[in-house]
Amino acid sequence: MNMMKNFVGWIDDRFPLTKVWNEHLAQYYAPKNFNFWYFFGSLALLVLVNQILTGVWLAMSYKPDAELAFGSVEYIMRDVDWGWLIRYMHSTGASAFFIVIYLHMFRGLMYGSYRKPRELLWIIGVIIYLAMMATAFFGYLLPWGQMSYWGAQVIVNLFSAVPVIGPDLGVWVRGDYVISDVTLNRFYALHFLLPFILAALVFVHIVALHKVGSNNPDGIEIKKNKDANGIPKDGIPFHPYYTVHDTLAVAGFLFLFAAAIFYAPEMGGYFLEHPNFEPANPLKTPLHIAPVWYFTPFYAILRAVPSMMGSAFPGVVAMFASILIMFFLPWLDRSPVKSIRYKGMLFKVMLFLFAFDFILLGFLGTQPTTDLYKLMAQIGTFYYFAFFLLMPIYTKLDKTKPVPERVTK
């Protein structure tokens, strides 16, 4: 024991190991009323680690070459020891990452985790979300299957819709006049780099979180009510209480994750599209081109906006605006309370309709365009933006309940 203490002391003299441990785990006081919705932040960190580790392992056998890429994926699946498992852990992990992040963001909407003093924390979170989307987009091309090739073709062509500079911008993104070996190489390099930038952003996100403190289902700032020792009366140390609490969530998540990997890695074509099991063929277009499911809500918004003078640029603007509007959320909510527990029925109806609308747009983005689906997507797009742009009005009109002084269970 003395030897261990001496060793830790030796490290502390050269690196603030104990200080970091205490500030961010052992002596970081979190609200005592965390519930199910607070699992998803730690699960997102777990999946990020999975994606980085499996991605590095896959990179050891993958060939970023238009002639060899598809074959190298097949080689990983068939000949590399446990390669099929690592590949499925990575492909399923991509979908799992977005699932837990969407649930994490929905929790933030429910409990007002974007409100003062957490505006910057929310903004960093949205930047993380954008980095995730970029990482997933660059990785989408790498299997060099039919849907990878044509899906990337469609998405890159969106940049070409920008007036005046569009054609040059499209060539700059692709590195060529068409999706080619050059495009594959640069997407591979960016897909390998961005996860490490993403990890750095997550670190900044956690530091910002621990600076302002965690939100809770009551929306009460526990730092305002401390005892004589400066310890929040409604807080408990993150370790061991919430490390044990999150271990239960990790066990449940890994059970579901393993079930998907071993029994449904394709998830009916949503996690791994069926056309992607065919090599990319520039001369053969799939019957229906759609991005992977976690992009489809925004793809539905893109298709819902009519073209103007033969240009899809209005749809491109709407698609990017649907993401960028999230940055302004902290200043759109004018309610005197943070948590949905104390907000009125008006906000609750608007929020749960928004969740339904997002899922509906995601479904519509996977389907071929028909008159009915296009009309539904237009209605869904209208409500998507109405939820944010009308928030200053309906959050002021909403009837709220008194917020207690101390957190409740």
Protein backbone atom coordinates (compact mmCIF):
# COMPACT_ATOMS: atom_id res chain seq x y z
CA MET A 1 0.00 0.00 0.00
CA ASN A 2 2.82 2.40 0.91
CA MET A 3 4.54 1.55 -2.36
CA MET A 4 1.36 2.46 -4.29
CA LYS A 5 1.00 5.74 -2.36
CA ASN A 6 4.60 6.58 -3.05
CA PHE A 7 4.14 5.81 -6.74
CA VAL A 8 1.01 7.99 -6.95
CA GLY A 9 2.84 10.73 -5.06
CA TRP A 10 5.73 10.50 -7.51
CA ILE A 11 3.27 10.96 -10.41
CA ASP A 12 1.47 13.85 -8.63
CA ASP A 13 4.76 15.70 -8.32
CA ARG A 14 5.05 15.61 -12.09
CA PHE A 15 1.42 15.40 -13.29
CA PRO A 16 -1.82 16.40 -11.48
CA LEU A 17 -3.26 12.86 -11.51
CA THR A 18 -5.00 12.98 -8.12
CA LYS A 19 -6.25 16.52 -8.77
CA VAL A 20 -7.84 15.47 -12.08
CA TRP A 21 -9.35 12.34 -10.48
CA ASN A 22 -10.88 14.34 -7.65
CA GLU A 23 -12.15 17.25 -9.76
CA HIS A 24 -13.76 15.12 -12.46
CA LEU A 25 -14.78 11.95 -10.60
CA ALA A 26 -14.28 11.39 -6.88
CA GLN A 27 -15.07 14.95 -5.71
CA TYR A 28 -17.23 16.07 -8.63
CA TYR A 29 -20.69 16.45 -7.14
CA ALA A 30 -23.55 15.59 -9.46
CA PRO A 31 -27.27 16.01 -8.69
CA LYS A 32 -28.67 13.09 -6.74
CA ASN A 33 -31.78 12.78 -8.91
CA PHE A 34 -30.31 11.63 -12.22
CA ASN A 35 -32.65 9.24 -14.01
CA PHE A 36 -32.69 6.93 -17.05
CA TRP A 37 -32.16 9.80 -19.49
CA TYR A 38 -28.73 10.57 -18.02
CA PHE A 39 -27.28 7.24 -19.18
CA PHE A 40 -26.74 8.33 -22.75
CA GLY A 41 -23.84 10.75 -22.25
CA SER A 42 -21.59 8.03 -20.83
CA LEU A 43 -22.85 5.53 -23.42
CA ALA A 44 -21.87 7.97 -26.18
CA LEU A 45 -18.34 8.09 -24.75
CA LEU A 46 -18.25 4.27 -24.69
CA VAL A 47 -19.31 4.03 -28.34
CA LEU A 48 -16.76 6.68 -29.37
CA VAL A 49 -13.99 4.57 -27.84
CA ASN A 50 -15.36 1.52 -29.67
CA GLN A 51 -15.37 3.41 -32.97
CA ILE A 52 -11.80 4.64 -32.59
CA LEU A 53 -10.40 1.25 -31.56
CA THR A 54 -12.24 -0.78 -34.20
CA GLY A 55 -11.52 1.89 -36.82
CA VAL A 56 -7.78 1.75 -36.19
CA TRP A 57 -7.89 -2.04 -36.39
CA LEU A 58 -9.83 -1.98 -39.67
CA ALA A 59 -7.37 0.56 -41.11
CA MET A 60 -4.61 -2.04 -40.76
CA SER A 61 -6.20 -4.19 -43.49
CA TYR A 62 -8.23 -1.69 -45.54
CA LYS A 63 -6.94 -0.48 -48.93
CA PRO A 64 -8.02 3.09 -49.88
CA ASP A 65 -7.86 2.33 -53.57
CA ALA A 66 -10.79 2.33 -56.01
CA GLU A 67 -9.64 -0.99 -57.45
CA LEU A 68 -8.97 -2.67 -54.11
CA ALA A 69 -11.27 -1.05 -51.51
CA PHE A 70 -14.29 -3.35 -51.92
CA GLY A 71 -12.07 -6.44 -52.06
CA SER A 72 -10.20 -5.37 -48.92
CA VAL A 73 -13.48 -5.14 -47.01
CA GLU A 74 -14.33 -8.66 -48.19
CA TYR A 75 -10.84 -9.76 -47.14
CA ILE A 76 -11.44 -8.31 -43.67
CA MET A 77 -14.79 -10.09 -43.44
CA ARG A 78 -13.56 -13.49 -44.66
CA ASP A 79 -9.82 -13.89 -44.04
CA VAL A 80 -8.72 -11.60 -41.19
CA ASP A 81 -9.02 -13.30 -37.80
CA TRP A 82 -12.20 -11.93 -36.18
CA GLY A 83 -12.32 -9.33 -38.94
CA TRP A 84 -16.05 -9.87 -39.47
CA LEU A 85 -16.67 -9.09 -35.79
CA ILE A 86 -14.54 -5.93 -35.82
CA ARG A 87 -16.21 -4.71 -39.01
CA TYR A 88 -19.70 -5.31 -37.58
CA MET A 89 -18.71 -3.67 -34.29
CA HIS A 90 -17.70 -0.61 -36.30
CA SER A 91 -20.69 -0.50 -38.66
CA THR A 92 -23.20 -1.20 -35.89
CA GLY A 93 -21.31 1.20 -33.63
CA ALA A 94 -21.87 4.04 -36.11
CA SER A 95 -25.64 3.61 -35.86
CA ALA A 96 -25.45 3.08 -32.09
CA PHE A 97 -23.47 6.31 -31.77
CA PHE A 98 -26.21 8.33 -33.45
CA ILE A 99 -28.97 6.56 -31.49
CA VAL A 100 -27.45 7.43 -28.11
CA ILE A 101 -26.58 10.97 -29.27
CA TYR A 102 -30.14 11.61 -30.47
CA LEU A 103 -31.48 10.39 -27.13
CA HIS A 104 -28.86 12.49 -25.32
CA MET A 105 -29.96 15.59 -27.27
CA PHE A 106 -33.64 14.83 -26.63
CA ARG A 107 -32.89 14.71 -22.90
CA GLY A 108 -31.28 18.14 -23.25
CA LEU A 109 -34.47 19.44 -24.88
CA MET A 110 -36.66 17.93 -22.16
CA TYR A 111 -34.76 19.23 -19.18
CA GLY A 112 -33.45 22.51 -20.60
CA SER A 113 -29.78 21.54 -20.54
CA TYR A 114 -29.11 24.30 -23.08
CA ARG A 115 -30.28 27.08 -20.76
CA LYS A 116 -28.06 29.48 -18.77
CA PRO A 117 -25.33 28.81 -17.63
CA ARG A 118 -24.94 25.93 -20.14
CA GLU A 119 -25.23 27.80 -23.43
CA LEU A 120 -21.59 27.17 -24.38
CA LEU A 121 -21.89 23.54 -23.30
CA TRP A 122 -24.82 23.11 -25.72
CA ILE A 123 -22.96 24.87 -28.54
CA ILE A 124 -19.94 22.59 -28.08
CA GLY A 125 -22.36 19.65 -28.19
CA VAL A 126 -23.79 20.81 -31.52
CA ILE A 127 -20.24 21.17 -32.89
CA ILE A 128 -19.61 17.57 -31.77
CA TYR A 129 -22.77 16.53 -33.61
CA LEU A 130 -21.56 18.26 -36.80
CA ALA A 131 -18.16 16.55 -36.44
CA MET A 132 -19.95 13.21 -36.06
CA MET A 133 -21.93 13.82 -39.23
CA ALA A 134 -18.79 14.76 -41.15
CA THR A 135 -16.96 11.68 -39.86
CA ALA A 136 -19.86 9.41 -40.80
CA PHE A 137 -20.15 11.00 -44.24
CA PHE A 138 -16.47 10.47 -45.04
CA GLY A 139 -16.66 6.89 -43.78
CA TYR A 140 -19.78 6.21 -45.84
CA LEU A 141 -17.78 6.06 -49.07
CA LEU A 142 -15.05 3.72 -47.81
CA PRO A 143 -16.74 0.32 -48.39
CA TRP A 144 -16.89 1.33 -52.09
CA GLY A 145 -20.20 -0.43 -52.58
CA GLN A 146 -23.04 0.69 -54.81
CA MET A 147 -24.90 2.74 -52.19
CA SER A 148 -21.65 4.18 -50.80
CA TYR A 149 -20.63 5.39 -54.24
CA TRP A 150 -23.96 6.77 -55.38
CA GLY A 151 -24.94 8.13 -51.97
CA ALA A 152 -21.66 10.05 -51.81
CA GLN A 153 -22.26 11.22 -55.38
CA VAL A 154 -25.64 12.69 -54.41
CA ILE A 155 -24.35 14.34 -51.23
CA VAL A 156 -21.27 15.86 -52.89
CA ASN A 157 -23.47 17.16 -55.71
CA LEU A 158 -25.27 19.29 -53.11
CA PHE A 159 -22.19 21.48 -52.96
CA SER A 160 -22.41 21.90 -56.73
CA ALA A 161 -25.87 23.47 -56.26
CA VAL A 162 -24.34 26.57 -54.65
CA PRO A 163 -24.71 29.49 -57.09
CA VAL A 164 -21.61 30.73 -58.95
CA ILE A 165 -19.00 28.73 -57.02
CA GLY A 166 -20.93 25.43 -56.93
CA PRO A 167 -19.19 23.56 -59.78
CA ASP A 168 -15.73 24.49 -58.53
CA LEU A 169 -16.73 23.67 -54.97
CA GLY A 170 -17.93 20.21 -56.04
CA VAL A 171 -14.62 19.52 -57.79
CA TRP A 172 -12.72 20.75 -54.72
CA VAL A 173 -14.63 18.39 -52.39
CA ARG A 174 -14.24 15.38 -54.73
CA GLY A 175 -10.71 16.22 -55.85
CA ASP A 176 -11.88 15.18 -59.32
CA TYR A 177 -14.75 15.72 -61.72
CA VAL A 178 -16.40 12.50 -60.51
CA ILE A 179 -16.20 10.30 -57.41
CA SER A 180 -12.90 8.54 -58.00
CA ASP A 181 -9.80 7.09 -56.41
CA VAL A 182 -8.71 10.61 -55.40
CA THR A 183 -12.01 11.14 -53.55
CA LEU A 184 -11.67 7.80 -51.79
CA ASN A 185 -8.15 8.62 -50.59
CA ARG A 186 -9.03 12.03 -49.17
CA PHE A 187 -12.22 10.73 -47.53
CA TYR A 188 -10.21 7.91 -45.95
CA ALA A 189 -7.65 10.36 -44.56
CA LEU A 190 -10.37 12.64 -43.15
CA HIS A 191 -12.36 9.73 -41.74
CA PHE A 192 -9.27 8.55 -39.88
CA LEU A 193 -8.40 12.03 -38.59
CA LEU A 194 -11.78 13.35 -37.49
CA PRO A 195 -12.47 10.82 -34.68
CA PHE A 196 -9.42 12.11 -32.81
CA ILE A 197 -10.65 15.69 -33.25
CA LEU A 198 -14.03 14.42 -32.06
CA ALA A 199 -12.38 12.95 -28.94
CA ALA A 200 -10.74 16.32 -28.25
CA LEU A 201 -14.12 18.06 -28.59
CA VAL A 202 -15.66 15.56 -26.19
CA PHE A 203 -12.90 16.36 -23.68
CA VAL A 204 -13.70 20.08 -24.02
CA HIS A 205 -17.40 19.25 -23.64
CA ILE A 206 -16.75 17.39 -20.37
CA VAL A 207 -14.52 20.18 -19.02
CA ALA A 208 -17.26 22.71 -19.81
CA LEU A 209 -19.83 20.45 -18.13
CA HIS A 210 -17.81 20.17 -14.95
CA LYS A 211 -17.23 23.92 -14.89
CA VAL A 212 -20.95 24.80 -14.82
CA GLY A 213 -22.15 21.55 -13.24
CA SER A 214 -24.59 18.97 -14.47
CA ASN A 215 -28.23 19.79 -15.08
CA ASN A 216 -30.92 17.59 -13.53
CA PRO A 217 -34.57 16.65 -14.14
CA ASP A 218 -35.73 19.49 -11.86
CA GLY A 219 -33.58 22.12 -13.59
CA ILE A 220 -32.30 23.33 -10.21
CA GLU A 221 -28.73 24.60 -9.83
CA ILE A 222 -27.35 22.49 -6.99
CA LYS A 223 -24.29 24.76 -6.64
CA LYS A 224 -26.52 27.47 -5.19
CA ASN A 225 -27.38 25.43 -2.09
CA LYS A 226 -24.23 24.29 -0.29
CA ASP A 227 -23.37 23.24 3.26
CA ALA A 228 -20.69 24.75 5.52
CA ASN A 229 -18.01 22.73 3.71
CA GLY A 230 -19.02 24.04 0.31
CA ILE A 231 -20.58 20.73 -0.75
CA PRO A 232 -23.91 20.89 -2.63
CA LYS A 233 -26.68 19.62 -0.34
CA ASP A 234 -28.44 17.97 -3.27
CA GLY A 235 -25.31 16.45 -4.79
CA ILE A 236 -23.46 13.18 -4.44
CA PRO A 237 -19.92 12.28 -5.60
CA PHE A 238 -19.88 11.04 -9.18
CA HIS A 239 -17.64 8.19 -8.06
CA PRO A 240 -18.64 5.66 -6.86
CA TYR A 241 -22.37 6.43 -7.10
CA TYR A 242 -22.72 7.28 -10.76
CA THR A 243 -19.91 5.08 -11.99
CA VAL A 244 -21.91 2.15 -10.57
CA HIS A 245 -25.13 3.71 -11.89
CA ASP A 246 -23.65 3.95 -15.41
CA THR A 247 -22.21 0.43 -15.23
CA LEU A 248 -25.77 -0.89 -15.21
CA ALA A 249 -26.52 1.13 -18.35
CA VAL A 250 -23.35 -0.15 -20.02
CA ALA A 251 -24.34 -3.76 -19.28
CA GLY A 252 -27.79 -3.25 -20.79
CA PHE A 253 -26.39 -1.41 -23.79
CA LEU A 254 -23.75 -4.08 -24.49
CA PHE A 255 -26.46 -6.76 -24.39
CA LEU A 256 -28.45 -4.94 -27.09
CA PHE A 257 -25.30 -4.05 -29.02
CA ALA A 258 -24.15 -7.67 -29.08
CA ALA A 259 -27.62 -8.83 -30.13
CA ALA A 260 -27.51 -6.45 -33.12
CA ILE A 261 -23.96 -7.49 -34.09
CA PHE A 262 -24.60 -11.24 -33.93
CA TYR A 263 -28.20 -11.46 -35.12
CA ALA A 264 -29.02 -8.35 -37.18
CA PRO A 265 -25.87 -6.44 -38.24
CA GLU A 266 -27.64 -5.17 -41.37
CA MET A 267 -30.81 -4.24 -39.41
CA GLY A 268 -32.97 -4.84 -42.46
CA GLY A 269 -30.79 -2.64 -44.64
CA TYR A 270 -30.78 0.38 -42.33
CA PHE A 271 -27.36 -0.20 -40.74
CA LEU A 272 -25.77 -1.81 -43.82
CA GLU A 273 -27.63 -1.18 -47.08
CA HIS A 274 -28.14 -4.20 -49.33
CA PRO A 275 -26.72 -2.48 -52.47
CA ASN A 276 -23.48 -1.98 -50.54
CA PHE A 277 -22.75 -5.68 -50.87
CA GLU A 278 -22.17 -5.04 -54.58
CA PRO A 279 -18.98 -3.32 -55.80
CA ALA A 280 -19.36 0.32 -56.85
CA ASN A 281 -20.32 0.61 -60.50
CA PRO A 282 -20.35 4.14 -62.01
CA LEU A 283 -22.40 2.81 -64.94
CA LYS A 284 -25.21 1.25 -62.89
CA THR A 285 -27.40 3.49 -60.72
CA PRO A 286 -29.39 1.86 -57.86
CA LEU A 287 -33.16 2.09 -58.18
CA HIS A 288 -33.42 4.25 -55.05
CA ILE A 289 -30.52 6.26 -53.63
CA ALA A 290 -30.78 7.31 -49.99
CA PRO A 291 -28.18 8.12 -47.33
CA VAL A 292 -27.80 5.99 -44.22
CA TRP A 293 -30.68 6.36 -41.74
CA TYR A 294 -29.14 8.94 -39.39
CA PHE A 295 -28.92 11.47 -42.25
CA THR A 296 -32.41 10.84 -43.62
CA PRO A 297 -34.35 13.48 -41.60
CA PHE A 298 -32.19 16.17 -43.19
CA TYR A 299 -32.33 14.46 -46.58
CA ALA A 300 -36.14 14.56 -46.36
CA ILE A 301 -35.95 18.31 -45.65
CA LEU A 302 -33.69 18.74 -48.68
CA ARG A 303 -36.16 16.95 -50.96
CA ALA A 304 -39.20 18.70 -49.47
CA VAL A 305 -38.11 22.17 -50.61
CA PRO A 306 -38.98 22.82 -54.27
CA SER A 307 -36.19 23.64 -56.70
CA MET A 308 -35.86 27.20 -57.91
CA MET A 309 -34.99 27.84 -61.56
CA GLY A 310 -33.82 24.25 -61.87
CA SER A 311 -31.48 24.53 -58.86
CA ALA A 312 -31.73 22.48 -55.66
CA PHE A 313 -29.96 25.26 -53.75
CA PRO A 314 -33.08 26.26 -51.68
CA GLY A 315 -33.27 22.68 -50.41
CA VAL A 316 -29.56 22.71 -49.58
CA VAL A 317 -30.02 25.94 -47.61
CA ALA A 318 -32.99 24.44 -45.72
CA MET A 319 -31.03 21.28 -44.93
CA PHE A 320 -28.04 23.14 -43.49
CA ALA A 321 -30.34 25.63 -41.71
CA SER A 322 -32.11 22.74 -39.98
CA ILE A 323 -28.82 21.87 -38.28
CA LEU A 324 -27.44 25.37 -37.72
CA ILE A 325 -30.64 26.56 -36.02
CA MET A 326 -29.73 24.30 -33.09
CA PHE A 327 -26.93 26.74 -32.19
CA PHE A 328 -29.52 29.40 -31.32
CA LEU A 329 -31.69 27.20 -29.10
CA PRO A 330 -30.44 28.65 -25.76
CA TRP A 331 -31.79 32.07 -26.76
CA LEU A 332 -35.06 30.88 -28.31
CA ASP A 333 -36.49 29.33 -25.15
CA ARG A 334 -38.06 32.17 -23.09
CA SER A 335 -39.70 30.01 -20.44
CA PRO A 336 -39.04 31.04 -16.80
CA VAL A 337 -38.31 27.37 -15.95
CA LYS A 338 -35.89 24.88 -17.48
CA SER A 339 -37.32 21.42 -16.99
CA ILE A 340 -40.28 19.84 -18.72
CA ARG A 341 -41.46 18.81 -15.24
CA TYR A 342 -42.51 22.39 -14.52
CA LYS A 343 -43.43 23.51 -18.03
CA GLY A 344 -47.01 23.48 -19.22
CA MET A 345 -48.87 21.28 -21.66
CA LEU A 346 -48.15 23.58 -24.61
CA PHE A 347 -44.40 22.97 -24.49
CA LYS A 348 -44.87 19.24 -23.86
CA VAL A 349 -47.12 18.87 -26.91
CA MET A 350 -44.73 20.89 -29.10
CA LEU A 351 -41.71 18.84 -27.96
CA PHE A 352 -43.24 15.40 -28.42
CA LEU A 353 -44.70 16.41 -31.78
CA PHE A 354 -41.19 17.51 -32.72
CA ALA A 355 -39.80 14.09 -31.73
CA PHE A 356 -42.50 12.36 -33.81
CA ASP A 357 -41.84 14.76 -36.69
CA PHE A 358 -38.10 14.01 -36.63
CA ILE A 359 -38.76 10.25 -36.77
CA LEU A 360 -41.30 10.75 -39.57
CA LEU A 361 -38.83 12.82 -41.59
CA GLY A 362 -36.25 10.09 -41.04
CA PHE A 363 -38.65 7.49 -42.47
CA LEU A 364 -39.59 9.70 -45.43
CA GLY A 365 -35.91 10.21 -46.22
CA THR A 366 -35.51 6.45 -46.75
CA GLN A 367 -38.44 6.19 -49.17
CA PRO A 368 -38.71 6.93 -52.90
CA THR A 369 -40.30 10.29 -53.65
CA THR A 370 -44.06 10.19 -54.29
CA ASP A 371 -46.61 13.01 -54.24
CA LEU A 372 -47.95 11.86 -50.86
CA TYR A 373 -44.53 11.44 -49.28
CA LYS A 374 -43.38 14.79 -50.64
CA LEU A 375 -46.43 16.51 -49.13
CA MET A 376 -45.80 14.79 -45.78
CA ALA A 377 -42.14 15.85 -45.90
CA GLN A 378 -43.14 19.45 -46.60
CA ILE A 379 -45.51 19.45 -43.62
CA GLY A 380 -42.81 17.84 -41.49
CA THR A 381 -40.24 20.40 -42.62
CA PHE A 382 -42.63 23.25 -41.82
CA TYR A 383 -43.18 21.90 -38.30
CA TYR A 384 -39.45 21.26 -37.77
CA PHE A 385 -38.64 24.93 -38.29
CA ALA A 386 -41.82 26.10 -36.52
CA PHE A 387 -40.72 24.27 -33.36
CA PHE A 388 -37.60 26.43 -33.16
CA LEU A 389 -38.77 29.72 -34.68
CA LEU A 390 -42.02 29.88 -32.69
CA MET A 391 -40.32 28.84 -29.44
CA PRO A 392 -40.00 32.44 -28.13
CA ILE A 393 -43.79 32.74 -28.42
CA TYR A 394 -45.12 29.43 -27.11
CA THR A 395 -42.60 29.21 -24.26
CA LYS A 396 -43.77 32.64 -23.05
CA LEU A 397 -47.45 31.72 -23.39
CA ASP A 398 -46.96 28.36 -21.68
CA LYS A 399 -48.26 28.04 -18.12
CA THR A 400 -45.54 26.84 -15.75
CA LYS A 401 -45.47 25.37 -12.25
CA PRO A 402 -43.41 26.68 -9.31
CA VAL A 403 -39.94 25.17 -9.13
CA PRO A 404 -38.99 23.76 -5.67
CA GLU A 405 -35.97 25.03 -3.77
CA ARG A 406 -34.42 21.55 -3.48
CA VAL A 407 -34.27 18.71 -6.00
CA THR A 408 -36.93 16.00 -5.81
CA LYS A 409 -36.58 12.33 -6.55
